[in-house]
Amino acid sequence: MSDVNFAKRPAGPPLLFLRDKELREGIELLFYAYRDFTREPDEILHSLGLGRDHHRALHFIGRNPSITVSELVAILGITKQSLARVLRDLIDGGYIAQMAGESDRRRRHLSLTESGLALEQRLSAPQRARFARAFRDAGPEAVDGFRRVLIGLIDEPERERIVGSFSERESG
């Protein structure tokens, strides 16, 4: 969906949804949605002594098997030092495996173990169910609009790379 054009707008009523009241409501709804979206996984993580950073790492390692540490740092937008703590917890817990690269032994590649895959699925199951319900209730046009809004919230330089990664994973 890299063909998203945010400048085009069909002729029609004034842009009343761009008023401050509507913008603030959108921000507030996003906060509430995120709170509820993360509640169940947070409870599971807390019971294991883990947090949201661990969940994010598990998610992206699961979506990108054999991802390098450097690639994961770039996706998460955190420092290597911050990621090192998270990775240490996940490796010690048996959730991820770390292997040296074949061509460059200094590059570390990360993959979920069976336990890591099970935990990632356990964490994402309530989130997938929540999205499925919301998508079903909203319908395809609203889902497309929602996706366009989320893409629009991503910083411009990252949009194409992120959206392109979806089609790469589908074809790969």
N, C-alpha and C. Protein backbone atom coordinates (compact mmCIF):
# COMPACT_ATOMS: atom_id res chain seq x y z
N MET A 1 0.83 -1.19 0.00
CA MET A 1 0.00 0.00 0.00
C MET A 1 0.87 1.24 0.00
N SER A 2 2.01 1.17 -0.65
CA SER A 2 2.90 2.33 -0.71
C SER A 2 2.38 3.38 -1.67
N ASP A 3 1.26 3.13 -2.34
CA ASP A 3 0.69 4.09 -3.26
C ASP A 3 -0.25 5.07 -2.55
N VAL A 4 -0.19 5.12 -1.22
CA VAL A 4 -1.05 6.01 -0.45
C VAL A 4 -0.70 7.45 -0.79
N ASN A 5 -1.71 8.22 -1.18
CA ASN A 5 -1.51 9.62 -1.49
C ASN A 5 -2.31 10.44 -0.49
N PHE A 6 -1.62 11.07 0.44
CA PHE A 6 -2.29 11.80 1.49
C PHE A 6 -2.67 13.21 1.06
N ALA A 7 -2.21 13.67 -0.09
CA ALA A 7 -2.52 15.01 -0.55
C ALA A 7 -3.87 15.04 -1.26
N LYS A 8 -4.28 13.96 -1.89
CA LYS A 8 -5.54 13.93 -2.62
C LYS A 8 -6.70 13.89 -1.64
N ARG A 9 -7.75 14.65 -1.97
CA ARG A 9 -8.96 14.63 -1.18
C ARG A 9 -10.12 14.86 -2.13
N PRO A 10 -11.09 13.98 -2.08
CA PRO A 10 -12.23 14.18 -2.96
C PRO A 10 -12.97 15.46 -2.60
N ALA A 11 -13.57 16.10 -3.61
CA ALA A 11 -14.36 17.30 -3.37
C ALA A 11 -15.53 16.91 -2.48
N GLY A 12 -15.90 17.78 -1.58
CA GLY A 12 -17.00 17.46 -0.69
C GLY A 12 -17.11 18.46 0.42
N PRO A 13 -17.66 18.04 1.53
CA PRO A 13 -17.86 18.97 2.64
C PRO A 13 -16.53 19.46 3.21
N PRO A 14 -16.59 20.55 3.95
CA PRO A 14 -15.36 21.08 4.55
C PRO A 14 -14.72 20.05 5.48
N LEU A 15 -13.46 20.26 5.75
CA LEU A 15 -12.69 19.31 6.56
C LEU A 15 -12.98 19.52 8.05
N LEU A 16 -14.22 19.27 8.46
CA LEU A 16 -14.61 19.47 9.85
C LEU A 16 -13.88 18.53 10.79
N PHE A 17 -13.42 17.38 10.28
CA PHE A 17 -12.70 16.42 11.12
C PHE A 17 -11.30 16.91 11.46
N LEU A 18 -10.88 18.02 10.90
CA LEU A 18 -9.57 18.58 11.21
C LEU A 18 -9.64 19.67 12.29
N ARG A 19 -10.83 19.89 12.84
CA ARG A 19 -10.95 20.86 13.92
C ARG A 19 -10.25 20.31 15.17
N ASP A 20 -9.83 21.21 16.03
CA ASP A 20 -9.10 20.82 17.25
C ASP A 20 -9.88 19.82 18.08
N LYS A 21 -11.17 20.00 18.21
CA LYS A 21 -12.01 19.09 19.00
C LYS A 21 -11.90 17.66 18.46
N GLU A 22 -12.01 17.48 17.16
CA GLU A 22 -11.95 16.15 16.56
C GLU A 22 -10.54 15.57 16.65
N LEU A 23 -9.52 16.42 16.47
CA LEU A 23 -8.14 15.93 16.58
C LEU A 23 -7.86 15.44 18.00
N ARG A 24 -8.27 16.21 18.99
CA ARG A 24 -8.08 15.81 20.38
C ARG A 24 -8.86 14.53 20.70
N GLU A 25 -10.06 14.41 20.16
CA GLU A 25 -10.84 13.19 20.37
C GLU A 25 -10.13 11.98 19.76
N GLY A 26 -9.57 12.16 18.57
CA GLY A 26 -8.83 11.06 17.93
C GLY A 26 -7.64 10.63 18.76
N ILE A 27 -6.91 11.60 19.30
CA ILE A 27 -5.76 11.29 20.14
C ILE A 27 -6.22 10.53 21.38
N GLU A 28 -7.30 11.01 22.00
CA GLU A 28 -7.80 10.37 23.22
C GLU A 28 -8.28 8.95 22.93
N LEU A 29 -8.98 8.76 21.82
CA LEU A 29 -9.43 7.42 21.45
C LEU A 29 -8.24 6.49 21.23
N LEU A 30 -7.18 7.01 20.63
CA LEU A 30 -5.98 6.19 20.42
C LEU A 30 -5.38 5.77 21.76
N PHE A 31 -5.33 6.68 22.73
CA PHE A 31 -4.83 6.34 24.06
C PHE A 31 -5.68 5.23 24.71
N TYR A 32 -7.00 5.39 24.65
CA TYR A 32 -7.89 4.37 25.25
C TYR A 32 -7.76 3.03 24.52
N ALA A 33 -7.70 3.08 23.21
CA ALA A 33 -7.58 1.84 22.43
C ALA A 33 -6.27 1.13 22.77
N TYR A 34 -5.18 1.89 22.86
CA TYR A 34 -3.89 1.28 23.18
C TYR A 34 -3.91 0.68 24.59
N ARG A 35 -4.54 1.38 25.51
CA ARG A 35 -4.65 0.86 26.89
C ARG A 35 -5.32 -0.51 26.88
N ASP A 36 -6.44 -0.62 26.19
CA ASP A 36 -7.18 -1.87 26.17
C ASP A 36 -6.51 -2.93 25.30
N PHE A 37 -5.87 -2.49 24.22
CA PHE A 37 -5.16 -3.39 23.31
C PHE A 37 -4.00 -4.10 24.02
N THR A 38 -3.37 -3.41 24.98
CA THR A 38 -2.20 -3.96 25.66
C THR A 38 -2.52 -4.60 27.02
N ARG A 39 -3.75 -4.46 27.50
CA ARG A 39 -4.08 -4.93 28.85
C ARG A 39 -3.81 -6.43 29.04
N GLU A 40 -4.37 -7.28 28.21
CA GLU A 40 -4.21 -8.73 28.39
C GLU A 40 -2.76 -9.17 28.22
N PRO A 41 -2.08 -8.74 27.16
CA PRO A 41 -0.66 -9.12 27.06
C PRO A 41 0.17 -8.60 28.24
N ASP A 42 -0.13 -7.39 28.72
CA ASP A 42 0.60 -6.85 29.87
C ASP A 42 0.45 -7.74 31.09
N GLU A 43 -0.75 -8.28 31.31
CA GLU A 43 -0.97 -9.16 32.47
C GLU A 43 -0.14 -10.44 32.34
N ILE A 44 -0.09 -11.01 31.14
CA ILE A 44 0.71 -12.21 30.90
C ILE A 44 2.19 -11.89 31.11
N LEU A 45 2.64 -10.80 30.52
CA LEU A 45 4.05 -10.40 30.65
C LEU A 45 4.42 -10.16 32.10
N HIS A 46 3.56 -9.46 32.83
CA HIS A 46 3.83 -9.17 34.23
C HIS A 46 4.02 -10.46 35.04
N SER A 47 3.18 -11.46 34.75
CA SER A 47 3.28 -12.73 35.48
C SER A 47 4.61 -13.43 35.21
N LEU A 48 5.27 -13.08 34.11
CA LEU A 48 6.56 -13.67 33.74
C LEU A 48 7.75 -12.76 34.08
N GLY A 49 7.45 -11.61 34.67
CA GLY A 49 8.51 -10.66 34.99
C GLY A 49 9.03 -9.93 33.75
N LEU A 50 8.20 -9.82 32.72
CA LEU A 50 8.58 -9.16 31.48
C LEU A 50 7.68 -7.95 31.25
N GLY A 51 8.04 -7.14 30.25
CA GLY A 51 7.27 -5.93 29.97
C GLY A 51 7.02 -5.75 28.48
N ARG A 52 6.49 -4.58 28.14
CA ARG A 52 6.13 -4.29 26.75
C ARG A 52 7.32 -4.32 25.80
N ASP A 53 8.49 -3.93 26.26
CA ASP A 53 9.67 -4.00 25.39
C ASP A 53 9.96 -5.44 24.99
N HIS A 54 9.75 -6.36 25.91
CA HIS A 54 9.94 -7.79 25.61
C HIS A 54 8.91 -8.24 24.57
N HIS A 55 7.67 -7.77 24.74
CA HIS A 55 6.60 -8.12 23.80
C HIS A 55 6.92 -7.61 22.40
N ARG A 56 7.36 -6.37 22.32
CA ARG A 56 7.69 -5.79 21.01
C ARG A 56 8.83 -6.58 20.35
N ALA A 57 9.83 -6.93 21.13
CA ALA A 57 10.95 -7.71 20.57
C ALA A 57 10.46 -9.08 20.09
N LEU A 58 9.65 -9.76 20.90
CA LEU A 58 9.11 -11.05 20.50
C LEU A 58 8.29 -10.93 19.21
N HIS A 59 7.48 -9.90 19.13
CA HIS A 59 6.66 -9.69 17.94
C HIS A 59 7.52 -9.56 16.68
N PHE A 60 8.48 -8.66 16.73
CA PHE A 60 9.27 -8.38 15.52
C PHE A 60 10.26 -9.50 15.19
N ILE A 61 10.75 -10.20 16.19
CA ILE A 61 11.60 -11.37 15.91
C ILE A 61 10.74 -12.46 15.27
N GLY A 62 9.53 -12.64 15.78
CA GLY A 62 8.63 -13.63 15.21
C GLY A 62 8.21 -13.29 13.79
N ARG A 63 8.02 -12.01 13.50
CA ARG A 63 7.62 -11.58 12.15
C ARG A 63 8.80 -11.56 11.18
N ASN A 64 10.02 -11.56 11.71
CA ASN A 64 11.23 -11.47 10.88
C ASN A 64 12.25 -12.49 11.35
N PRO A 65 11.98 -13.79 11.14
CA PRO A 65 12.92 -14.81 11.63
C PRO A 65 14.34 -14.56 11.12
N SER A 66 15.30 -14.75 11.99
CA SER A 66 16.72 -14.56 11.71
C SER A 66 17.09 -13.08 11.54
N ILE A 67 16.30 -12.21 12.12
CA ILE A 67 16.58 -10.78 12.09
C ILE A 67 17.88 -10.51 12.84
N THR A 68 18.65 -9.55 12.38
CA THR A 68 19.87 -9.21 13.10
C THR A 68 19.55 -8.25 14.24
N VAL A 69 20.44 -8.19 15.19
CA VAL A 69 20.27 -7.27 16.31
C VAL A 69 20.19 -5.83 15.79
N SER A 70 21.04 -5.48 14.83
CA SER A 70 21.03 -4.12 14.27
C SER A 70 19.70 -3.80 13.60
N GLU A 71 19.15 -4.77 12.88
CA GLU A 71 17.84 -4.54 12.23
C GLU A 71 16.75 -4.35 13.28
N LEU A 72 16.80 -5.13 14.35
CA LEU A 72 15.81 -5.00 15.41
C LEU A 72 15.93 -3.66 16.12
N VAL A 73 17.14 -3.20 16.35
CA VAL A 73 17.37 -1.88 16.94
C VAL A 73 16.71 -0.81 16.08
N ALA A 74 16.88 -0.90 14.77
CA ALA A 74 16.31 0.09 13.85
C ALA A 74 14.78 0.05 13.89
N ILE A 75 14.20 -1.14 13.90
CA ILE A 75 12.74 -1.26 13.92
C ILE A 75 12.17 -0.69 15.21
N LEU A 76 12.78 -1.04 16.33
CA LEU A 76 12.25 -0.62 17.64
C LEU A 76 12.59 0.83 17.96
N GLY A 77 13.59 1.38 17.30
CA GLY A 77 13.97 2.77 17.57
C GLY A 77 14.54 2.96 18.96
N ILE A 78 15.31 1.97 19.43
CA ILE A 78 15.93 2.06 20.76
C ILE A 78 17.44 1.86 20.60
N THR A 79 18.15 2.05 21.69
CA THR A 79 19.60 1.87 21.64
C THR A 79 19.96 0.40 21.78
N LYS A 80 21.15 0.05 21.35
CA LYS A 80 21.62 -1.33 21.52
C LYS A 80 21.70 -1.69 23.00
N GLN A 81 22.04 -0.72 23.85
CA GLN A 81 22.12 -0.99 25.28
C GLN A 81 20.75 -1.36 25.85
N SER A 82 19.71 -0.63 25.45
CA SER A 82 18.35 -0.93 25.91
C SER A 82 17.92 -2.30 25.42
N LEU A 83 18.22 -2.59 24.16
CA LEU A 83 17.83 -3.88 23.60
C LEU A 83 18.60 -5.02 24.25
N ALA A 84 19.85 -4.78 24.63
CA ALA A 84 20.67 -5.83 25.24
C ALA A 84 20.02 -6.39 26.49
N ARG A 85 19.46 -5.54 27.32
CA ARG A 85 18.78 -5.98 28.54
C ARG A 85 17.57 -6.86 28.19
N VAL A 86 16.78 -6.41 27.23
CA VAL A 86 15.59 -7.16 26.81
C VAL A 86 16.00 -8.52 26.23
N LEU A 87 16.99 -8.51 25.37
CA LEU A 87 17.45 -9.77 24.76
C LEU A 87 18.01 -10.73 25.79
N ARG A 88 18.74 -10.20 26.75
CA ARG A 88 19.30 -11.05 27.81
C ARG A 88 18.17 -11.76 28.56
N ASP A 89 17.11 -11.01 28.90
CA ASP A 89 15.95 -11.61 29.59
C ASP A 89 15.30 -12.70 28.73
N LEU A 90 15.15 -12.42 27.44
CA LEU A 90 14.47 -13.37 26.55
C LEU A 90 15.33 -14.59 26.25
N ILE A 91 16.62 -14.40 26.15
CA ILE A 91 17.53 -15.54 25.94
C ILE A 91 17.58 -16.39 27.21
N ASP A 92 17.75 -15.75 28.36
CA ASP A 92 17.79 -16.48 29.63
C ASP A 92 16.48 -17.22 29.90
N GLY A 93 15.37 -16.66 29.45
CA GLY A 93 14.07 -17.29 29.63
C GLY A 93 13.79 -18.39 28.62
N GLY A 94 14.68 -18.55 27.65
CA GLY A 94 14.50 -19.58 26.64
C GLY A 94 13.52 -19.22 25.55
N TYR A 95 13.26 -17.92 25.36
CA TYR A 95 12.27 -17.48 24.37
C TYR A 95 12.87 -17.16 23.00
N ILE A 96 14.14 -16.78 22.99
CA ILE A 96 14.79 -16.52 21.70
C ILE A 96 16.16 -17.19 21.67
N ALA A 97 16.57 -17.52 20.45
CA ALA A 97 17.90 -18.08 20.22
C ALA A 97 18.69 -17.05 19.44
N GLN A 98 19.98 -17.00 19.71
CA GLN A 98 20.88 -16.06 19.06
C GLN A 98 21.97 -16.86 18.36
N MET A 99 22.14 -16.61 17.06
CA MET A 99 23.15 -17.32 16.29
C MET A 99 24.08 -16.31 15.60
N ALA A 100 25.33 -16.70 15.44
CA ALA A 100 26.27 -15.86 14.69
C ALA A 100 25.94 -15.98 13.21
N GLY A 101 26.17 -14.90 12.48
CA GLY A 101 25.92 -14.91 11.04
C GLY A 101 26.88 -15.83 10.32
N GLU A 102 26.44 -16.37 9.19
CA GLU A 102 27.30 -17.27 8.42
C GLU A 102 28.43 -16.52 7.73
N SER A 103 28.11 -15.39 7.09
CA SER A 103 29.15 -14.66 6.37
C SER A 103 29.92 -13.70 7.28
N ASP A 104 29.27 -13.22 8.32
CA ASP A 104 29.93 -12.31 9.26
C ASP A 104 29.58 -12.78 10.67
N ARG A 105 30.53 -13.42 11.32
CA ARG A 105 30.30 -14.02 12.63
C ARG A 105 29.97 -12.98 13.70
N ARG A 106 30.28 -11.70 13.44
CA ARG A 106 29.98 -10.65 14.41
C ARG A 106 28.49 -10.29 14.42
N ARG A 107 27.80 -10.54 13.31
CA ARG A 107 26.37 -10.22 13.22
C ARG A 107 25.58 -11.31 13.92
N ARG A 108 24.79 -10.90 14.88
CA ARG A 108 23.98 -11.87 15.62
C ARG A 108 22.56 -11.89 15.04
N HIS A 109 22.08 -13.10 14.76
CA HIS A 109 20.74 -13.29 14.22
C HIS A 109 19.85 -13.86 15.31
N LEU A 110 18.61 -13.39 15.35
CA LEU A 110 17.68 -13.76 16.41
C LEU A 110 16.48 -14.51 15.83
N SER A 111 16.06 -15.55 16.52
CA SER A 111 14.86 -16.30 16.14
C SER A 111 14.13 -16.72 17.41
N LEU A 112 12.83 -16.92 17.29
CA LEU A 112 12.06 -17.42 18.43
C LEU A 112 12.32 -18.91 18.60
N THR A 113 12.41 -19.34 19.83
CA THR A 113 12.45 -20.77 20.14
C THR A 113 11.00 -21.26 20.15
N GLU A 114 10.80 -22.56 20.39
CA GLU A 114 9.42 -23.07 20.51
C GLU A 114 8.69 -22.35 21.64
N SER A 115 9.38 -22.15 22.76
CA SER A 115 8.76 -21.43 23.89
C SER A 115 8.46 -19.99 23.52
N GLY A 116 9.36 -19.37 22.77
CA GLY A 116 9.15 -18.00 22.34
C GLY A 116 7.98 -17.87 21.38
N LEU A 117 7.88 -18.82 20.48
CA LEU A 117 6.75 -18.83 19.54
C LEU A 117 5.44 -18.99 20.30
N ALA A 118 5.41 -19.91 21.26
CA ALA A 118 4.20 -20.13 22.06
C ALA A 118 3.84 -18.86 22.84
N LEU A 119 4.84 -18.20 23.44
CA LEU A 119 4.56 -16.98 24.20
C LEU A 119 4.08 -15.87 23.27
N GLU A 120 4.74 -15.71 22.14
CA GLU A 120 4.31 -14.66 21.20
C GLU A 120 2.88 -14.89 20.76
N GLN A 121 2.52 -16.13 20.48
CA GLN A 121 1.14 -16.44 20.07
C GLN A 121 0.16 -16.19 21.20
N ARG A 122 0.56 -16.52 22.41
CA ARG A 122 -0.29 -16.29 23.58
C ARG A 122 -0.52 -14.79 23.80
N LEU A 123 0.52 -13.99 23.59
CA LEU A 123 0.41 -12.54 23.75
C LEU A 123 -0.42 -11.89 22.64
N SER A 124 -0.25 -12.37 21.42
CA SER A 124 -0.92 -11.72 20.29
C SER A 124 -2.34 -12.23 20.06
N ALA A 125 -2.70 -13.40 20.61
CA ALA A 125 -4.05 -13.96 20.39
C ALA A 125 -5.16 -12.99 20.80
N PRO A 126 -5.10 -12.40 22.01
CA PRO A 126 -6.19 -11.46 22.35
C PRO A 126 -6.15 -10.20 21.48
N GLN A 127 -4.98 -9.80 21.04
CA GLN A 127 -4.89 -8.62 20.18
C GLN A 127 -5.45 -8.92 18.79
N ARG A 128 -5.13 -10.10 18.25
CA ARG A 128 -5.69 -10.48 16.95
C ARG A 128 -7.21 -10.58 17.04
N ALA A 129 -7.72 -11.15 18.13
CA ALA A 129 -9.17 -11.27 18.31
C ALA A 129 -9.82 -9.88 18.39
N ARG A 130 -9.16 -8.97 19.09
CA ARG A 130 -9.68 -7.61 19.22
C ARG A 130 -9.72 -6.92 17.85
N PHE A 131 -8.65 -7.07 17.07
CA PHE A 131 -8.62 -6.49 15.73
C PHE A 131 -9.66 -7.14 14.82
N ALA A 132 -9.79 -8.45 14.90
CA ALA A 132 -10.76 -9.15 14.04
C ALA A 132 -12.17 -8.64 14.33
N ARG A 133 -12.51 -8.52 15.60
CA ARG A 133 -13.84 -8.02 15.97
C ARG A 133 -14.05 -6.59 15.48
N ALA A 134 -13.07 -5.73 15.72
CA ALA A 134 -13.20 -4.33 15.31
C ALA A 134 -13.27 -4.21 13.79
N PHE A 135 -12.43 -4.96 13.08
CA PHE A 135 -12.44 -4.93 11.61
C PHE A 135 -13.78 -5.44 11.08
N ARG A 136 -14.28 -6.53 11.64
CA ARG A 136 -15.56 -7.10 11.19
C ARG A 136 -16.68 -6.09 11.42
N ASP A 137 -16.70 -5.46 12.59
CA ASP A 137 -17.74 -4.48 12.91
C ASP A 137 -17.66 -3.24 12.03
N ALA A 138 -16.45 -2.82 11.69
CA ALA A 138 -16.26 -1.58 10.92
C ALA A 138 -16.49 -1.76 9.43
N GLY A 139 -16.13 -2.90 8.89
CA GLY A 139 -16.29 -3.14 7.45
C GLY A 139 -15.04 -2.76 6.67
N PRO A 140 -14.96 -3.25 5.42
CA PRO A 140 -13.73 -3.10 4.64
C PRO A 140 -13.33 -1.66 4.33
N GLU A 141 -14.29 -0.79 4.07
CA GLU A 141 -13.92 0.61 3.76
C GLU A 141 -13.30 1.29 4.97
N ALA A 142 -13.91 1.04 6.14
CA ALA A 142 -13.38 1.65 7.37
C ALA A 142 -12.00 1.08 7.70
N VAL A 143 -11.82 -0.23 7.47
CA VAL A 143 -10.52 -0.85 7.74
C VAL A 143 -9.46 -0.22 6.85
N ASP A 144 -9.78 -0.02 5.58
CA ASP A 144 -8.84 0.62 4.66
C ASP A 144 -8.53 2.04 5.13
N GLY A 145 -9.55 2.77 5.56
CA GLY A 145 -9.33 4.13 6.06
C GLY A 145 -8.48 4.13 7.32
N PHE A 146 -8.74 3.19 8.22
CA PHE A 146 -7.97 3.07 9.45
C PHE A 146 -6.50 2.80 9.13
N ARG A 147 -6.27 1.89 8.19
CA ARG A 147 -4.91 1.55 7.79
C ARG A 147 -4.20 2.78 7.22
N ARG A 148 -4.92 3.54 6.42
CA ARG A 148 -4.36 4.76 5.84
C ARG A 148 -4.02 5.78 6.92
N VAL A 149 -4.87 5.88 7.94
CA VAL A 149 -4.60 6.80 9.05
C VAL A 149 -3.35 6.35 9.80
N LEU A 150 -3.25 5.05 10.12
CA LEU A 150 -2.07 4.56 10.83
C LEU A 150 -0.80 4.80 10.02
N ILE A 151 -0.85 4.54 8.73
CA ILE A 151 0.32 4.79 7.87
C ILE A 151 0.66 6.27 7.90
N GLY A 152 -0.36 7.12 7.90
CA GLY A 152 -0.14 8.56 7.95
C GLY A 152 0.49 9.03 9.25
N LEU A 153 0.32 8.27 10.33
CA LEU A 153 0.92 8.63 11.62
C LEU A 153 2.40 8.27 11.70
N ILE A 154 2.87 7.42 10.78
CA ILE A 154 4.27 7.01 10.76
C ILE A 154 5.09 8.12 10.11
N ASP A 155 6.25 8.43 10.68
CA ASP A 155 7.12 9.46 10.10
C ASP A 155 7.39 9.15 8.63
N GLU A 156 7.33 10.18 7.82
CA GLU A 156 7.45 10.06 6.36
C GLU A 156 8.62 9.19 5.88
N PRO A 157 9.84 9.39 6.38
CA PRO A 157 10.95 8.57 5.84
C PRO A 157 10.78 7.07 6.08
N GLU A 158 10.00 6.69 7.09
CA GLU A 158 9.84 5.29 7.44
C GLU A 158 8.68 4.61 6.72
N ARG A 159 7.71 5.39 6.25
CA ARG A 159 6.48 4.82 5.69
C ARG A 159 6.72 3.77 4.62
N GLU A 160 7.46 4.14 3.61
CA GLU A 160 7.64 3.23 2.47
C GLU A 160 8.35 1.95 2.90
N ARG A 161 9.37 2.07 3.74
CA ARG A 161 10.09 0.89 4.21
C ARG A 161 9.17 -0.03 4.99
N ILE A 162 8.38 0.54 5.89
CA ILE A 162 7.51 -0.27 6.74
C ILE A 162 6.41 -0.93 5.92
N VAL A 163 5.73 -0.15 5.10
CA VAL A 163 4.66 -0.71 4.30
C VAL A 163 5.21 -1.72 3.30
N GLY A 164 6.39 -1.45 2.74
CA GLY A 164 7.03 -2.39 1.82
C GLY A 164 7.40 -3.70 2.49
N SER A 165 7.70 -3.65 3.78
CA SER A 165 8.08 -4.88 4.48
C SER A 165 6.91 -5.85 4.57
N PHE A 166 5.67 -5.34 4.54
CA PHE A 166 4.50 -6.23 4.59
C PHE A 166 4.44 -7.08 3.32
N SER A 167 4.61 -6.44 2.17
CA SER A 167 4.52 -7.21 0.92
C SER A 167 5.73 -8.13 0.75
N GLU A 168 6.89 -7.74 1.28
CA GLU A 168 8.07 -8.62 1.22
C GLU A 168 7.82 -9.90 2.01
N ARG A 169 7.23 -9.78 3.20
CA ARG A 169 6.94 -10.95 4.03
C ARG A 169 5.89 -11.84 3.38
N GLU A 170 4.90 -11.22 2.70
CA GLU A 170 3.86 -12.01 2.04
C GLU A 170 4.43 -12.81 0.89
N SER A 171 5.37 -12.22 0.14
CA SER A 171 5.93 -12.90 -1.02
C SER A 171 7.07 -13.84 -0.66
N GLY A 172 7.71 -13.59 0.49
CA GLY A 172 8.88 -14.37 0.89
C GLY A 172 8.63 -15.58 1.68
